[in-house]
Amino acid sequence: MTPEPAALDLRSRDGGPLRVWDHGGGGPPLLFCHCAGTLGRVWEPVIRRLDPRWHVYALDFRGHGDSLKPEDRRAHQWASYAGDVEDAARQLSFGPGAAAIGHSGGGVAVALNLIHHPELFSRAALLDAILAPSWFFPEEMPLAHGARRRKRVFSSAEEAAGRLGAKAPYVHWHPEARAAFLAHGLEPMAGGRVKLKCPGHLEAFFYECGSSEGTLHALEGVHVPVLCVAGGESYMLEHVREQHRRLPCGELVVIPGGTHFFPQEKPEETARALNNWFAATDDAQSASKSNT
């Protein structure tokens, strides 16, 4: 993998650029899909710790990073984010052996592709994916309210680092993850000012996609191996256990002490879980081929 990823601008089905970061590598494709309010490059502390068995890509979802930012609320649905994943996989000509990793809302987008486009990915990992019963999704989402109120423009990068770095969730993140977000999640403006690349009202749309209960139930029809990972202190822990129970083929790993943001808090432990599981599924596939 390369120390500095290449920026690839694909074409979204809704028009505008769909940014994918190409980290290189000589193996099958592995696509990382981030959580709401962040961007593809926040995965870099995990990517640096991966075994070099993959050609790694990281997606910026619509409304985030350097991808398109449609203002129409109808362009921000679970199916819209799933479409970003599908567009990236098809335009990059992912072939046999491709895999995907999705965190939080990114996990829903990956899961929808496993259900509706099973040819795209031969394996996947869902990290604290927001797949839960309908009661989990109230009409008024506190996270959406907070996103709309968030300060977006700062007088300098230093002010942004000071204000954001002192607040949850960033204050609890591993220093490498926090540095990646501050380095790549801010856009320069005139006069030395900077602004968050993800506008709060677009981030709020992600939180307001509504229930994913139907997708949770449909996991029973997914027949590729899927790793479910949860933070031991995450509010999603029991829901991730339910995801694992519904999947026909998979494994559950719990990261001790991790919250919903465990990939950013504990990149070493997150990468270890991914490395161990992918190595085990590689061995199982090799054994199956040798027995045929």
C-alpha atoms as a PDB file:
ATOM      1  CA  MET A   1       0.000   0.000   0.000  1.00  0.00           C
ATOM      2  CA  THR A   2       1.132   3.534  -0.764  1.00  0.00           C
ATOM      3  CA  PRO A   3       1.968   6.040   2.017  1.00  0.00           C
ATOM      4  CA  GLU A   4      -0.226   8.690   0.363  1.00  0.00           C
ATOM      5  CA  PRO A   5      -3.413   7.494  -1.360  1.00  0.00           C
ATOM      6  CA  ALA A   6      -4.363   8.597  -4.873  1.00  0.00           C
ATOM      7  CA  ALA A   7      -7.599  10.551  -5.286  1.00  0.00           C
ATOM      8  CA  LEU A   8     -10.022   8.954  -7.762  1.00  0.00           C
ATOM      9  CA  ASP A   9     -13.087  10.923  -8.822  1.00  0.00           C
ATOM     10  CA  LEU A  10     -15.772   8.553 -10.033  1.00  0.00           C
ATOM     11  CA  ARG A  11     -19.237   9.561 -11.239  1.00  0.00           C
ATOM     12  CA  SER A  12     -22.198   9.310  -8.902  1.00  0.00           C
ATOM     13  CA  ARG A  13     -25.510   8.103 -10.300  1.00  0.00           C
ATOM     14  CA  ASP A  14     -26.943  11.403  -9.046  1.00  0.00           C
ATOM     15  CA  GLY A  15     -24.311  13.526 -10.789  1.00  0.00           C
ATOM     16  CA  GLY A  16     -21.178  15.057  -9.370  1.00  0.00           C
ATOM     17  CA  PRO A  17     -17.957  13.419  -8.202  1.00  0.00           C
ATOM     18  CA  LEU A  18     -17.792  10.373  -5.992  1.00  0.00           C
ATOM     19  CA  ARG A  19     -14.362  10.436  -4.335  1.00  0.00           C
ATOM     20  CA  VAL A  20     -12.524   7.201  -3.633  1.00  0.00           C
ATOM     21  CA  TRP A  21      -9.046   7.072  -2.099  1.00  0.00           C
ATOM     22  CA  ASP A  22      -6.787   4.429  -3.643  1.00  0.00           C
ATOM     23  CA  HIS A  23      -4.234   3.140  -1.126  1.00  0.00           C
ATOM     24  CA  GLY A  24      -2.760   0.621  -3.558  1.00  0.00           C
ATOM     25  CA  GLY A  25      -1.780  -2.958  -2.884  1.00  0.00           C
ATOM     26  CA  GLY A  26      -1.463  -6.090  -4.952  1.00  0.00           C
ATOM     27  CA  GLY A  27      -4.359  -8.236  -3.725  1.00  0.00           C
ATOM     28  CA  PRO A  28      -8.125  -8.282  -4.239  1.00  0.00           C
ATOM     29  CA  PRO A  29     -10.075  -5.052  -3.676  1.00  0.00           C
ATOM     30  CA  LEU A  30     -11.133  -4.038  -0.167  1.00  0.00           C
ATOM     31  CA  LEU A  31     -13.471  -1.034   0.146  1.00  0.00           C
ATOM     32  CA  PHE A  32     -13.716   0.902   3.442  1.00  0.00           C
ATOM     33  CA  CYS A  33     -16.976   2.798   4.114  1.00  0.00           C
ATOM     34  CA  HIS A  34     -17.008   5.389   6.896  1.00  0.00           C
ATOM     35  CA  CYS A  35     -19.561   6.554   9.471  1.00  0.00           C
ATOM     36  CA  ALA A  36     -21.673   9.725   9.273  1.00  0.00           C
ATOM     37  CA  GLY A  37     -19.856  13.026   9.684  1.00  0.00           C
ATOM     38  CA  THR A  38     -16.376  11.749   8.832  1.00  0.00           C
ATOM     39  CA  LEU A  39     -14.711  10.741   5.535  1.00  0.00           C
ATOM     40  CA  GLY A  40     -12.718   7.982   3.891  1.00  0.00           C
ATOM     41  CA  ARG A  41      -9.341   9.119   5.136  1.00  0.00           C
ATOM     42  CA  VAL A  42     -10.312   8.711   8.781  1.00  0.00           C
ATOM     43  CA  TRP A  43      -9.694   4.980   8.169  1.00  0.00           C
ATOM     44  CA  GLU A  44      -5.952   5.490   7.624  1.00  0.00           C
ATOM     45  CA  PRO A  45      -4.817   4.440  11.139  1.00  0.00           C
ATOM     46  CA  VAL A  46      -6.609   1.108  10.581  1.00  0.00           C
ATOM     47  CA  ILE A  47      -5.399   0.763   6.985  1.00  0.00           C
ATOM     48  CA  ARG A  48      -1.771   1.255   8.066  1.00  0.00           C
ATOM     49  CA  ARG A  49      -2.131  -1.736  10.379  1.00  0.00           C
ATOM     50  CA  LEU A  50      -3.693  -4.095   7.846  1.00  0.00           C
ATOM     51  CA  ASP A  51      -1.876  -7.113   6.490  1.00  0.00           C
ATOM     52  CA  PRO A  52      -0.689  -6.352   2.920  1.00  0.00           C
ATOM     53  CA  ARG A  53      -3.081  -8.837   1.337  1.00  0.00           C
ATOM     54  CA  TRP A  54      -5.436  -6.278  -0.225  1.00  0.00           C
ATOM     55  CA  HIS A  55      -5.729  -3.475  -2.738  1.00  0.00           C
ATOM     56  CA  VAL A  56      -7.345  -0.970  -0.381  1.00  0.00           C
ATOM     57  CA  TYR A  57      -9.834   1.752  -1.286  1.00  0.00           C
ATOM     58  CA  ALA A  58     -11.712   4.169   0.989  1.00  0.00           C
ATOM     59  CA  LEU A  59     -14.936   5.896  -0.067  1.00  0.00           C
ATOM     60  CA  ASP A  60     -16.180   9.400   0.738  1.00  0.00           C
ATOM     61  CA  PHE A  61     -19.978   9.105   0.922  1.00  0.00           C
ATOM     62  CA  ARG A  62     -22.134  11.814  -0.639  1.00  0.00           C
ATOM     63  CA  GLY A  63     -22.296  14.856   1.616  1.00  0.00           C
ATOM     64  CA  HIS A  64     -18.871  14.012   3.034  1.00  0.00           C
ATOM     65  CA  GLY A  65     -15.231  14.630   2.204  1.00  0.00           C
ATOM     66  CA  ASP A  66     -14.651  15.456  -1.453  1.00  0.00           C
ATOM     67  CA  SER A  67     -17.747  13.756  -2.874  1.00  0.00           C
ATOM     68  CA  LEU A  68     -20.892  15.391  -4.244  1.00  0.00           C
ATOM     69  CA  LYS A  69     -23.035  17.342  -1.785  1.00  0.00           C
ATOM     70  CA  PRO A  70     -26.635  17.297  -3.044  1.00  0.00           C
ATOM     71  CA  GLU A  71     -28.987  19.578  -1.103  1.00  0.00           C
ATOM     72  CA  ASP A  72     -32.108  17.594  -1.959  1.00  0.00           C
ATOM     73  CA  ARG A  73     -33.099  15.493   1.049  1.00  0.00           C
ATOM     74  CA  ARG A  74     -34.326  12.769  -1.332  1.00  0.00           C
ATOM     75  CA  ALA A  75     -30.689  12.165  -2.319  1.00  0.00           C
ATOM     76  CA  HIS A  76     -29.846  11.155   1.263  1.00  0.00           C
ATOM     77  CA  GLN A  77     -31.560   7.830   1.949  1.00  0.00           C
ATOM     78  CA  TRP A  78     -30.202   4.418   2.943  1.00  0.00           C
ATOM     79  CA  ALA A  79     -30.527   3.428  -0.720  1.00  0.00           C
ATOM     80  CA  SER A  80     -28.541   6.531  -1.756  1.00  0.00           C
ATOM     81  CA  TYR A  81     -25.547   5.594   0.381  1.00  0.00           C
ATOM     82  CA  ALA A  82     -25.809   1.980  -0.745  1.00  0.00           C
ATOM     83  CA  GLY A  83     -25.751   3.332  -4.299  1.00  0.00           C
ATOM     84  CA  ASP A  84     -22.446   5.090  -3.591  1.00  0.00           C
ATOM     85  CA  VAL A  85     -20.941   1.748  -2.560  1.00  0.00           C
ATOM     86  CA  GLU A  86     -22.326  -0.003  -5.632  1.00  0.00           C
ATOM     87  CA  ASP A  87     -21.161   2.787  -7.973  1.00  0.00           C
ATOM     88  CA  ALA A  88     -17.645   2.627  -6.554  1.00  0.00           C
ATOM     89  CA  ALA A  89     -17.427  -1.174  -6.825  1.00  0.00           C
ATOM     90  CA  ARG A  90     -18.760  -1.280 -10.388  1.00  0.00           C
ATOM     91  CA  GLN A  91     -16.761   1.652 -11.752  1.00  0.00           C
ATOM     92  CA  LEU A  92     -13.558   0.279 -10.242  1.00  0.00           C
ATOM     93  CA  SER A  93     -14.369  -3.104 -11.834  1.00  0.00           C
ATOM     94  CA  PHE A  94     -14.161  -5.078  -8.619  1.00  0.00           C
ATOM     95  CA  GLY A  95     -13.837  -8.734  -9.502  1.00  0.00           C
ATOM     96  CA  PRO A  96     -13.999 -12.022  -7.604  1.00  0.00           C
ATOM     97  CA  GLY A  97     -12.651 -11.891  -4.065  1.00  0.00           C
ATOM     98  CA  ALA A  98     -13.583  -8.249  -3.378  1.00  0.00           C
ATOM     99  CA  ALA A  99     -14.584  -7.346   0.177  1.00  0.00           C
ATOM    100  CA  ALA A 100     -16.136  -4.381   1.967  1.00  0.00           C
ATOM    101  CA  ILE A 101     -15.962  -2.930   5.460  1.00  0.00           C
ATOM    102  CA  GLY A 102     -18.641  -0.570   6.749  1.00  0.00           C
ATOM    103  CA  HIS A 103     -18.818   1.318  10.043  1.00  0.00           C
ATOM    104  CA  SER A 104     -22.095   2.592  11.534  1.00  0.00           C
ATOM    105  CA  GLY A 105     -24.246   3.984   8.695  1.00  0.00           C
ATOM    106  CA  GLY A 106     -21.570   2.797   6.292  1.00  0.00           C
ATOM    107  CA  GLY A 107     -22.332  -0.696   7.549  1.00  0.00           C
ATOM    108  CA  VAL A 108     -25.965  -0.313   6.479  1.00  0.00           C
ATOM    109  CA  ALA A 109     -24.813   0.698   2.983  1.00  0.00           C
ATOM    110  CA  VAL A 110     -22.564  -2.372   2.785  1.00  0.00           C
ATOM    111  CA  ALA A 111     -25.305  -4.675   4.121  1.00  0.00           C
ATOM    112  CA  LEU A 112     -27.778  -3.453   1.498  1.00  0.00           C
ATOM    113  CA  ASN A 113     -25.307  -4.394  -1.214  1.00  0.00           C
ATOM    114  CA  LEU A 114     -24.769  -7.840   0.299  1.00  0.00           C
ATOM    115  CA  ILE A 115     -28.536  -8.330   0.130  1.00  0.00           C
ATOM    116  CA  HIS A 116     -29.367  -6.782  -3.255  1.00  0.00           C
ATOM    117  CA  HIS A 117     -26.080  -7.167  -5.154  1.00  0.00           C
ATOM    118  CA  PRO A 118     -24.497 -10.350  -3.771  1.00  0.00           C
ATOM    119  CA  GLU A 119     -22.131 -10.577  -6.740  1.00  0.00           C
ATOM    120  CA  LEU A 120     -20.163  -7.497  -5.652  1.00  0.00           C
ATOM    121  CA  PHE A 121     -18.473  -8.746  -2.463  1.00  0.00           C
ATOM    122  CA  SER A 122     -17.326 -12.213  -1.449  1.00  0.00           C
ATOM    123  CA  ARG A 123     -16.798 -11.168   2.196  1.00  0.00           C
ATOM    124  CA  ALA A 124     -17.629  -8.210   4.398  1.00  0.00           C
ATOM    125  CA  ALA A 125     -17.195  -6.762   7.864  1.00  0.00           C
ATOM    126  CA  LEU A 126     -19.917  -4.740   9.603  1.00  0.00           C
ATOM    127  CA  LEU A 127     -18.529  -2.561  12.399  1.00  0.00           C
ATOM    128  CA  ASP A 128     -21.242  -1.349  14.794  1.00  0.00           C
ATOM    129  CA  ALA A 129     -23.606  -1.187  11.810  1.00  0.00           C
ATOM    130  CA  ILE A 130     -26.829   0.743  12.461  1.00  0.00           C
ATOM    131  CA  LEU A 131     -29.076  -2.250  11.857  1.00  0.00           C
ATOM    132  CA  ALA A 132     -31.734  -2.348  14.555  1.00  0.00           C
ATOM    133  CA  PRO A 133     -35.490  -2.653  15.220  1.00  0.00           C
ATOM    134  CA  SER A 134     -37.787   0.232  14.310  1.00  0.00           C
ATOM    135  CA  TRP A 135     -38.083   1.420  17.930  1.00  0.00           C
ATOM    136  CA  PHE A 136     -34.375   2.385  17.791  1.00  0.00           C
ATOM    137  CA  PHE A 137     -35.206   5.190  15.296  1.00  0.00           C
ATOM    138  CA  PRO A 138     -37.319   7.963  16.879  1.00  0.00           C
ATOM    139  CA  GLU A 139     -38.878  10.661  14.720  1.00  0.00           C
ATOM    140  CA  GLU A 140     -36.664  13.290  16.373  1.00  0.00           C
ATOM    141  CA  MET A 141     -33.029  12.167  16.226  1.00  0.00           C
ATOM    142  CA  PRO A 142     -30.816  13.916  18.822  1.00  0.00           C
ATOM    143  CA  LEU A 143     -27.746  13.283  16.649  1.00  0.00           C
ATOM    144  CA  ALA A 144     -29.393  15.122  13.757  1.00  0.00           C
ATOM    145  CA  HIS A 145     -30.244  18.061  15.999  1.00  0.00           C
ATOM    146  CA  GLY A 146     -26.649  18.225  17.230  1.00  0.00           C
ATOM    147  CA  ALA A 147     -25.252  18.038  13.699  1.00  0.00           C
ATOM    148  CA  ARG A 148     -27.375  20.993  12.558  1.00  0.00           C
ATOM    149  CA  ARG A 149     -26.158  23.097  15.498  1.00  0.00           C
ATOM    150  CA  ARG A 150     -22.482  22.231  15.045  1.00  0.00           C
ATOM    151  CA  LYS A 151     -20.070  25.068  14.267  1.00  0.00           C
ATOM    152  CA  ARG A 152     -18.765  24.595  10.725  1.00  0.00           C
ATOM    153  CA  VAL A 153     -16.478  27.574  10.006  1.00  0.00           C
ATOM    154  CA  PHE A 154     -13.368  28.319  12.095  1.00  0.00           C
ATOM    155  CA  SER A 155     -10.983  31.252  12.010  1.00  0.00           C
ATOM    156  CA  SER A 156      -8.014  28.908  11.499  1.00  0.00           C
ATOM    157  CA  ALA A 157      -7.007  25.278  11.427  1.00  0.00           C
ATOM    158  CA  GLU A 158      -5.577  25.793  14.911  1.00  0.00           C
ATOM    159  CA  GLU A 159      -8.934  26.962  16.239  1.00  0.00           C
ATOM    160  CA  ALA A 160     -10.649  23.983  14.629  1.00  0.00           C
ATOM    161  CA  ALA A 161      -8.142  21.588  16.180  1.00  0.00           C
ATOM    162  CA  GLY A 162      -8.535  23.181  19.603  1.00  0.00           C
ATOM    163  CA  ARG A 163     -12.335  23.273  19.596  1.00  0.00           C
ATOM    164  CA  LEU A 164     -13.031  19.940  17.945  1.00  0.00           C
ATOM    165  CA  GLY A 165     -10.193  18.070  19.625  1.00  0.00           C
ATOM    166  CA  ALA A 166     -11.549  18.949  23.053  1.00  0.00           C
ATOM    167  CA  LYS A 167     -15.061  17.637  22.350  1.00  0.00           C
ATOM    168  CA  ALA A 168     -16.655  14.213  22.098  1.00  0.00           C
ATOM    169  CA  PRO A 169     -16.277  12.060  20.152  1.00  0.00           C
ATOM    170  CA  TYR A 170     -12.905  13.362  18.894  1.00  0.00           C
ATOM    171  CA  VAL A 171     -11.351  13.818  22.330  1.00  0.00           C
ATOM    172  CA  HIS A 172     -11.563  10.043  22.852  1.00  0.00           C
ATOM    173  CA  TRP A 173     -10.084   9.121  19.466  1.00  0.00           C
ATOM    174  CA  HIS A 174      -6.608   7.721  18.947  1.00  0.00           C
ATOM    175  CA  PRO A 175      -4.235  10.626  18.117  1.00  0.00           C
ATOM    176  CA  GLU A 176      -3.686   9.259  14.595  1.00  0.00           C
ATOM    177  CA  ALA A 177      -7.420   9.177  13.858  1.00  0.00           C
ATOM    178  CA  ARG A 178      -7.967  12.656  15.258  1.00  0.00           C
ATOM    179  CA  ALA A 179      -5.029  13.967  13.202  1.00  0.00           C
ATOM    180  CA  ALA A 180      -6.388  12.307  10.039  1.00  0.00           C
ATOM    181  CA  PHE A 181      -9.797  13.910  10.546  1.00  0.00           C
ATOM    182  CA  LEU A 182      -8.329  17.371  11.161  1.00  0.00           C
ATOM    183  CA  ALA A 183      -5.902  17.083   8.233  1.00  0.00           C
ATOM    184  CA  HIS A 184      -8.457  15.899   5.671  1.00  0.00           C
ATOM    185  CA  GLY A 185     -11.893  16.802   7.005  1.00  0.00           C
ATOM    186  CA  LEU A 186     -11.381  20.576   6.823  1.00  0.00           C
ATOM    187  CA  GLU A 187     -11.567  22.718   3.693  1.00  0.00           C
ATOM    188  CA  PRO A 188      -9.434  25.907   3.386  1.00  0.00           C
ATOM    189  CA  MET A 189     -11.246  29.224   2.919  1.00  0.00           C
ATOM    190  CA  ALA A 190     -10.162  32.794   2.245  1.00  0.00           C
ATOM    191  CA  GLY A 191      -8.240  34.593   4.966  1.00  0.00           C
ATOM    192  CA  GLY A 192      -6.895  31.448   6.582  1.00  0.00           C
ATOM    193  CA  ARG A 193     -10.303  30.258   7.707  1.00  0.00           C
ATOM    194  CA  VAL A 194     -11.354  26.595   7.385  1.00  0.00           C
ATOM    195  CA  LYS A 195     -14.683  24.781   7.340  1.00  0.00           C
ATOM    196  CA  LEU A 196     -15.798  21.232   7.906  1.00  0.00           C
ATOM    197  CA  LYS A 197     -16.166  19.411   4.591  1.00  0.00           C
ATOM    198  CA  CYS A 198     -19.351  17.741   5.829  1.00  0.00           C
ATOM    199  CA  PRO A 199     -22.090  20.357   6.376  1.00  0.00           C
ATOM    200  CA  GLY A 200     -24.124  19.668   9.487  1.00  0.00           C
ATOM    201  CA  HIS A 201     -27.493  19.632   7.726  1.00  0.00           C
ATOM    202  CA  LEU A 202     -26.256  16.966   5.274  1.00  0.00           C
ATOM    203  CA  GLU A 203     -24.825  14.880   8.112  1.00  0.00           C
ATOM    204  CA  ALA A 204     -28.231  15.180   9.792  1.00  0.00           C
ATOM    205  CA  PHE A 205     -29.881  13.637   6.730  1.00  0.00           C
ATOM    206  CA  PHE A 206     -27.745  10.520   7.276  1.00  0.00           C
ATOM    207  CA  TYR A 207     -29.124  10.192  10.817  1.00  0.00           C
ATOM    208  CA  GLU A 208     -32.673  10.722   9.562  1.00  0.00           C
ATOM    209  CA  CYS A 209     -32.741   7.882   7.027  1.00  0.00           C
ATOM    210  CA  GLY A 210     -35.243   6.056   9.204  1.00  0.00           C
ATOM    211  CA  SER A 211     -35.581   2.467  10.290  1.00  0.00           C
ATOM    212  CA  SER A 212     -33.231  -0.231   9.018  1.00  0.00           C
ATOM    213  CA  GLU A 213     -35.283  -3.066  10.546  1.00  0.00           C
ATOM    214  CA  GLY A 214     -36.070  -4.559   7.131  1.00  0.00           C
ATOM    215  CA  THR A 215     -32.369  -4.726   6.307  1.00  0.00           C
ATOM    216  CA  LEU A 216     -31.662  -6.325   9.689  1.00  0.00           C
ATOM    217  CA  HIS A 217     -34.182  -9.095   8.960  1.00  0.00           C
ATOM    218  CA  ALA A 218     -32.856  -9.551   5.410  1.00  0.00           C
ATOM    219  CA  LEU A 219     -29.409 -10.460   6.759  1.00  0.00           C
ATOM    220  CA  GLU A 220     -30.785 -13.989   7.022  1.00  0.00           C
ATOM    221  CA  GLY A 221     -30.490 -14.210   3.228  1.00  0.00           C
ATOM    222  CA  VAL A 222     -26.799 -13.207   3.060  1.00  0.00           C
ATOM    223  CA  HIS A 223     -24.652 -16.235   2.263  1.00  0.00           C
ATOM    224  CA  VAL A 224     -21.140 -14.782   2.142  1.00  0.00           C
ATOM    225  CA  PRO A 225     -19.014 -14.716   5.316  1.00  0.00           C
ATOM    226  CA  VAL A 226     -19.590 -11.559   7.362  1.00  0.00           C
ATOM    227  CA  LEU A 227     -17.644 -10.402  10.406  1.00  0.00           C
ATOM    228  CA  CYS A 228     -19.647  -8.390  12.956  1.00  0.00           C
ATOM    229  CA  VAL A 229     -17.570  -6.196  15.263  1.00  0.00           C
ATOM    230  CA  ALA A 230     -18.917  -4.164  18.190  1.00  0.00           C
ATOM    231  CA  GLY A 231     -17.482  -1.922  20.841  1.00  0.00           C
ATOM    232  CA  GLY A 232     -17.808  -3.396  24.309  1.00  0.00           C
ATOM    233  CA  GLU A 233     -19.171  -0.069  25.605  1.00  0.00           C
ATOM    234  CA  SER A 234     -21.203   0.768  22.490  1.00  0.00           C
ATOM    235  CA  TYR A 235     -24.942   1.402  22.526  1.00  0.00           C
ATOM    236  CA  MET A 236     -25.061  -0.889  19.462  1.00  0.00           C
ATOM    237  CA  LEU A 237     -23.606  -3.947  21.199  1.00  0.00           C
ATOM    238  CA  GLU A 238     -26.831  -5.953  21.604  1.00  0.00           C
ATOM    239  CA  HIS A 239     -27.978  -4.978  18.115  1.00  0.00           C
ATOM    240  CA  VAL A 240     -24.685  -6.230  16.672  1.00  0.00           C
ATOM    241  CA  ARG A 241     -25.202  -9.498  18.539  1.00  0.00           C
ATOM    242  CA  GLU A 242     -28.608  -9.750  16.845  1.00  0.00           C
ATOM    243  CA  GLN A 243     -27.027  -9.062  13.436  1.00  0.00           C
ATOM    244  CA  HIS A 244     -24.622 -11.920  14.052  1.00  0.00           C
ATOM    245  CA  ARG A 245     -27.454 -14.246  15.100  1.00  0.00           C
ATOM    246  CA  ARG A 246     -29.301 -13.564  11.848  1.00  0.00           C
ATOM    247  CA  LEU A 247     -26.341 -14.025   9.511  1.00  0.00           C
ATOM    248  CA  PRO A 248     -25.977 -17.600   8.201  1.00  0.00           C
ATOM    249  CA  CYS A 249     -22.180 -17.403   7.976  1.00  0.00           C
ATOM    250  CA  GLY A 250     -20.064 -15.138  10.127  1.00  0.00           C
ATOM    251  CA  GLU A 251     -18.285 -14.330  13.344  1.00  0.00           C
ATOM    252  CA  LEU A 252     -18.714 -11.836  16.196  1.00  0.00           C
ATOM    253  CA  VAL A 253     -15.862  -9.895  17.778  1.00  0.00           C
ATOM    254  CA  VAL A 254     -16.277  -7.419  20.659  1.00  0.00           C
ATOM    255  CA  ILE A 255     -13.577  -4.769  21.185  1.00  0.00           C
ATOM    256  CA  PRO A 256     -13.228  -4.309  24.979  1.00  0.00           C
ATOM    257  CA  GLY A 257     -13.629  -0.721  26.114  1.00  0.00           C
ATOM    258  CA  GLY A 258     -14.616   0.543  22.685  1.00  0.00           C
ATOM    259  CA  THR A 259     -17.597   2.836  22.167  1.00  0.00           C
ATOM    260  CA  HIS A 260     -19.522   3.214  18.906  1.00  0.00           C
ATOM    261  CA  PHE A 261     -16.382   4.927  17.554  1.00  0.00           C
ATOM    262  CA  PHE A 262     -14.037   2.051  18.348  1.00  0.00           C
ATOM    263  CA  PRO A 263     -12.418   2.082  14.847  1.00  0.00           C
ATOM    264  CA  GLN A 264     -11.198   5.612  15.602  1.00  0.00           C
ATOM    265  CA  GLU A 265     -10.464   4.933  19.279  1.00  0.00           C
ATOM    266  CA  LYS A 266      -8.721   1.586  18.897  1.00  0.00           C
ATOM    267  CA  PRO A 267      -7.237   1.203  15.399  1.00  0.00           C
ATOM    268  CA  GLU A 268      -4.765  -1.455  16.547  1.00  0.00           C
ATOM    269  CA  GLU A 269      -7.483  -3.700  17.974  1.00  0.00           C
ATOM    270  CA  THR A 270      -9.769  -3.034  15.006  1.00  0.00           C
ATOM    271  CA  ALA A 271      -7.091  -3.947  12.469  1.00  0.00           C
ATOM    272  CA  ARG A 272      -6.178  -7.066  14.467  1.00  0.00           C
ATOM    273  CA  ALA A 273      -9.790  -8.260  14.374  1.00  0.00           C
ATOM    274  CA  LEU A 274      -9.962  -7.684  10.618  1.00  0.00           C
ATOM    275  CA  ASN A 275      -6.593  -9.305   9.948  1.00  0.00           C
ATOM    276  CA  ASN A 276      -7.413 -12.381  12.033  1.00  0.00           C
ATOM    277  CA  TRP A 277     -10.788 -12.887  10.448  1.00  0.00           C
ATOM    278  CA  PHE A 278      -9.707 -12.339   6.856  1.00  0.00           C
ATOM    279  CA  ALA A 279      -6.755 -14.701   7.383  1.00  0.00           C
ATOM    280  CA  ALA A 280      -9.092 -17.359   8.797  1.00  0.00           C
ATOM    281  CA  THR A 281     -11.535 -17.028   5.897  1.00  0.00           C
ATOM    282  CA  ASP A 282      -8.614 -17.135   3.431  1.00  0.00           C
ATOM    283  CA  ASP A 283      -7.484 -20.422   5.015  1.00  0.00           C
ATOM    284  CA  ALA A 284     -11.022 -21.828   4.908  1.00  0.00           C
ATOM    285  CA  GLN A 285     -11.438 -20.927   1.234  1.00  0.00           C
ATOM    286  CA  SER A 286      -8.039 -22.425   0.381  1.00  0.00           C
ATOM    287  CA  ALA A 287      -8.937 -25.638   2.212  1.00  0.00           C
ATOM    288  CA  SER A 288     -12.275 -25.824   0.388  1.00  0.00           C
ATOM    289  CA  LYS A 289     -10.580 -25.449  -2.991  1.00  0.00           C
ATOM    290  CA  SER A 290      -7.992 -28.119  -2.189  1.00  0.00           C
ATOM    291  CA  ASN A 291     -10.778 -30.572  -1.283  1.00  0.00           C
ATOM    292  CA  THR A 292     -12.661 -30.121  -4.555  1.00  0.00           C
END
